[in-house]
């Protein structure tokens, strides 16, 4: 199931990259985005890294998700119909 979701996201990102339009209306946004990518990715991947997916590794995805599902990351909210919000 994780692989299917990853493959779908990969396909959508590939479509997004292939049909990426030149956003000449906002060159400052492009410069900001590319300068960030220069600090994040190797030079040969600066333009495509946000869109192209490498090989699927289910273990990395599983480890990432299980780290997020740690009980210490939970926010539990308990309420009922008698609760009323009081704005102080």
C-alpha atoms as a PDB file:
ATOM      1  CA  UNK A   1       0.000   0.000   0.000  1.00  0.00           C
ATOM      2  CA  UNK A   2       2.821   2.442   0.824  1.00  0.00           C
ATOM      3  CA  UNK A   3       4.435   1.674  -2.511  1.00  0.00           C
ATOM      4  CA  UNK A   4       1.183   2.395  -4.362  1.00  0.00           C
ATOM      5  CA  UNK A   5       0.808   5.766  -2.624  1.00  0.00           C
ATOM      6  CA  UNK A   6       4.458   6.599  -3.343  1.00  0.00           C
ATOM      7  CA  UNK A   7       4.052   5.609  -7.007  1.00  0.00           C
ATOM      8  CA  UNK A   8       0.975   7.838  -7.333  1.00  0.00           C
ATOM      9  CA  UNK A   9       2.793  10.782  -5.746  1.00  0.00           C
ATOM     10  CA  UNK A  10       5.755  10.120  -8.047  1.00  0.00           C
ATOM     11  CA  UNK A  11       3.482  10.155 -11.109  1.00  0.00           C
ATOM     12  CA  UNK A  12       1.819  13.422 -10.049  1.00  0.00           C
ATOM     13  CA  UNK A  13       5.190  15.052  -9.352  1.00  0.00           C
ATOM     14  CA  UNK A  14       6.454  13.903 -12.746  1.00  0.00           C
ATOM     15  CA  UNK A  15       3.431  15.475 -14.439  1.00  0.00           C
ATOM     16  CA  UNK A  16       3.959  18.657 -12.434  1.00  0.00           C
ATOM     17  CA  UNK A  17       7.589  18.838 -13.552  1.00  0.00           C
ATOM     18  CA  UNK A  18       6.862  18.110 -17.218  1.00  0.00           C
ATOM     19  CA  UNK A  19       4.171  20.784 -17.381  1.00  0.00           C
ATOM     20  CA  UNK A  20       5.926  23.299 -15.166  1.00  0.00           C
ATOM     21  CA  UNK A  21       5.351  26.768 -16.508  1.00  0.00           C
ATOM     22  CA  UNK A  22       7.809  29.602 -16.413  1.00  0.00           C
ATOM     23  CA  UNK A  23       6.495  31.896 -13.741  1.00  0.00           C
ATOM     24  CA  UNK A  24       7.899  35.099 -15.238  1.00  0.00           C
ATOM     25  CA  UNK A  25       5.292  37.006 -13.265  1.00  0.00           C
ATOM     26  CA  UNK A  26       7.242  36.318 -10.082  1.00  0.00           C
ATOM     27  CA  UNK A  27      10.979  36.106 -10.785  1.00  0.00           C
ATOM     28  CA  UNK A  28      11.800  36.930  -7.162  1.00  0.00           C
ATOM     29  CA  UNK A  29       9.893  33.865  -6.037  1.00  0.00           C
ATOM     30  CA  UNK A  30      11.844  31.718  -8.511  1.00  0.00           C
ATOM     31  CA  UNK A  31      15.154  33.136  -7.295  1.00  0.00           C
ATOM     32  CA  UNK A  32      14.245  32.572  -3.663  1.00  0.00           C
ATOM     33  CA  UNK A  33      13.158  28.999  -4.351  1.00  0.00           C
ATOM     34  CA  UNK A  34      16.227  28.112  -6.435  1.00  0.00           C
ATOM     35  CA  UNK A  35      18.621  29.694  -3.939  1.00  0.00           C
ATOM     36  CA  UNK A  36      17.076  27.534  -1.226  1.00  0.00           C
ATOM     37  CA  UNK A  37      17.495  24.461  -3.431  1.00  0.00           C
ATOM     38  CA  UNK A  38      21.167  25.355  -4.013  1.00  0.00           C
ATOM     39  CA  UNK A  39      21.717  24.959  -0.275  1.00  0.00           C
ATOM     40  CA  UNK A  40      19.709  21.753  -0.078  1.00  0.00           C
ATOM     41  CA  UNK A  41      20.484  19.683  -3.191  1.00  0.00           C
ATOM     42  CA  UNK A  42      23.532  18.954  -5.347  1.00  0.00           C
ATOM     43  CA  UNK A  43      23.899  21.378  -8.300  1.00  0.00           C
ATOM     44  CA  UNK A  44      22.699  18.850 -10.883  1.00  0.00           C
ATOM     45  CA  UNK A  45      19.390  18.440  -8.997  1.00  0.00           C
ATOM     46  CA  UNK A  46      18.573  22.077  -8.178  1.00  0.00           C
ATOM     47  CA  UNK A  47      15.850  22.428 -10.831  1.00  0.00           C
ATOM     48  CA  UNK A  48      14.298  18.975 -10.554  1.00  0.00           C
ATOM     49  CA  UNK A  49      14.734  17.858  -6.938  1.00  0.00           C
ATOM     50  CA  UNK A  50      11.326  19.119  -5.814  1.00  0.00           C
ATOM     51  CA  UNK A  51       9.571  17.080  -8.485  1.00  0.00           C
ATOM     52  CA  UNK A  52      11.533  13.946  -9.314  1.00  0.00           C
ATOM     53  CA  UNK A  53      11.484  10.943  -7.031  1.00  0.00           C
ATOM     54  CA  UNK A  54      14.364   8.513  -6.788  1.00  0.00           C
ATOM     55  CA  UNK A  55      14.015   4.833  -5.922  1.00  0.00           C
ATOM     56  CA  UNK A  56      11.321   3.666  -3.520  1.00  0.00           C
ATOM     57  CA  UNK A  57      12.594   2.419  -0.177  1.00  0.00           C
ATOM     58  CA  UNK A  58       9.727   1.100   1.923  1.00  0.00           C
ATOM     59  CA  UNK A  59      11.868   0.821   5.044  1.00  0.00           C
ATOM     60  CA  UNK A  60      12.671   4.542   5.015  1.00  0.00           C
ATOM     61  CA  UNK A  61       8.992   5.414   4.557  1.00  0.00           C
ATOM     62  CA  UNK A  62       7.966   3.002   7.310  1.00  0.00           C
ATOM     63  CA  UNK A  63      10.609   4.323   9.723  1.00  0.00           C
ATOM     64  CA  UNK A  64       9.565   7.912   9.025  1.00  0.00           C
ATOM     65  CA  UNK A  65       5.890   7.178   9.613  1.00  0.00           C
ATOM     66  CA  UNK A  66       6.481   5.170  12.777  1.00  0.00           C
ATOM     67  CA  UNK A  67       8.590   8.010  14.168  1.00  0.00           C
ATOM     68  CA  UNK A  68       5.660  10.369  13.579  1.00  0.00           C
ATOM     69  CA  UNK A  69       3.207   7.985  15.228  1.00  0.00           C
ATOM     70  CA  UNK A  70       5.044   8.123  18.542  1.00  0.00           C
ATOM     71  CA  UNK A  71       2.618   8.698  21.463  1.00  0.00           C
ATOM     72  CA  UNK A  72       4.747  11.645  22.610  1.00  0.00           C
ATOM     73  CA  UNK A  73       3.741  13.459  19.388  1.00  0.00           C
ATOM     74  CA  UNK A  74       0.014  13.178  20.092  1.00  0.00           C
ATOM     75  CA  UNK A  75      -2.363  15.957  20.999  1.00  0.00           C
ATOM     76  CA  UNK A  76      -5.447  14.626  22.763  1.00  0.00           C
ATOM     77  CA  UNK A  77      -8.524  16.793  23.043  1.00  0.00           C
ATOM     78  CA  UNK A  78     -11.412  15.690  25.207  1.00  0.00           C
ATOM     79  CA  UNK A  79     -14.740  17.434  25.018  1.00  0.00           C
ATOM     80  CA  UNK A  80     -18.463  16.918  25.203  1.00  0.00           C
ATOM     81  CA  UNK A  81     -21.681  18.711  24.371  1.00  0.00           C
ATOM     82  CA  UNK A  82     -21.715  20.598  27.699  1.00  0.00           C
ATOM     83  CA  UNK A  83     -18.366  22.307  27.088  1.00  0.00           C
ATOM     84  CA  UNK A  84     -18.506  25.975  26.159  1.00  0.00           C
ATOM     85  CA  UNK A  85     -15.549  27.966  24.915  1.00  0.00           C
ATOM     86  CA  UNK A  86     -14.659  30.955  27.081  1.00  0.00           C
ATOM     87  CA  UNK A  87     -12.592  33.650  25.441  1.00  0.00           C
ATOM     88  CA  UNK A  88     -10.512  35.376  28.117  1.00  0.00           C
END
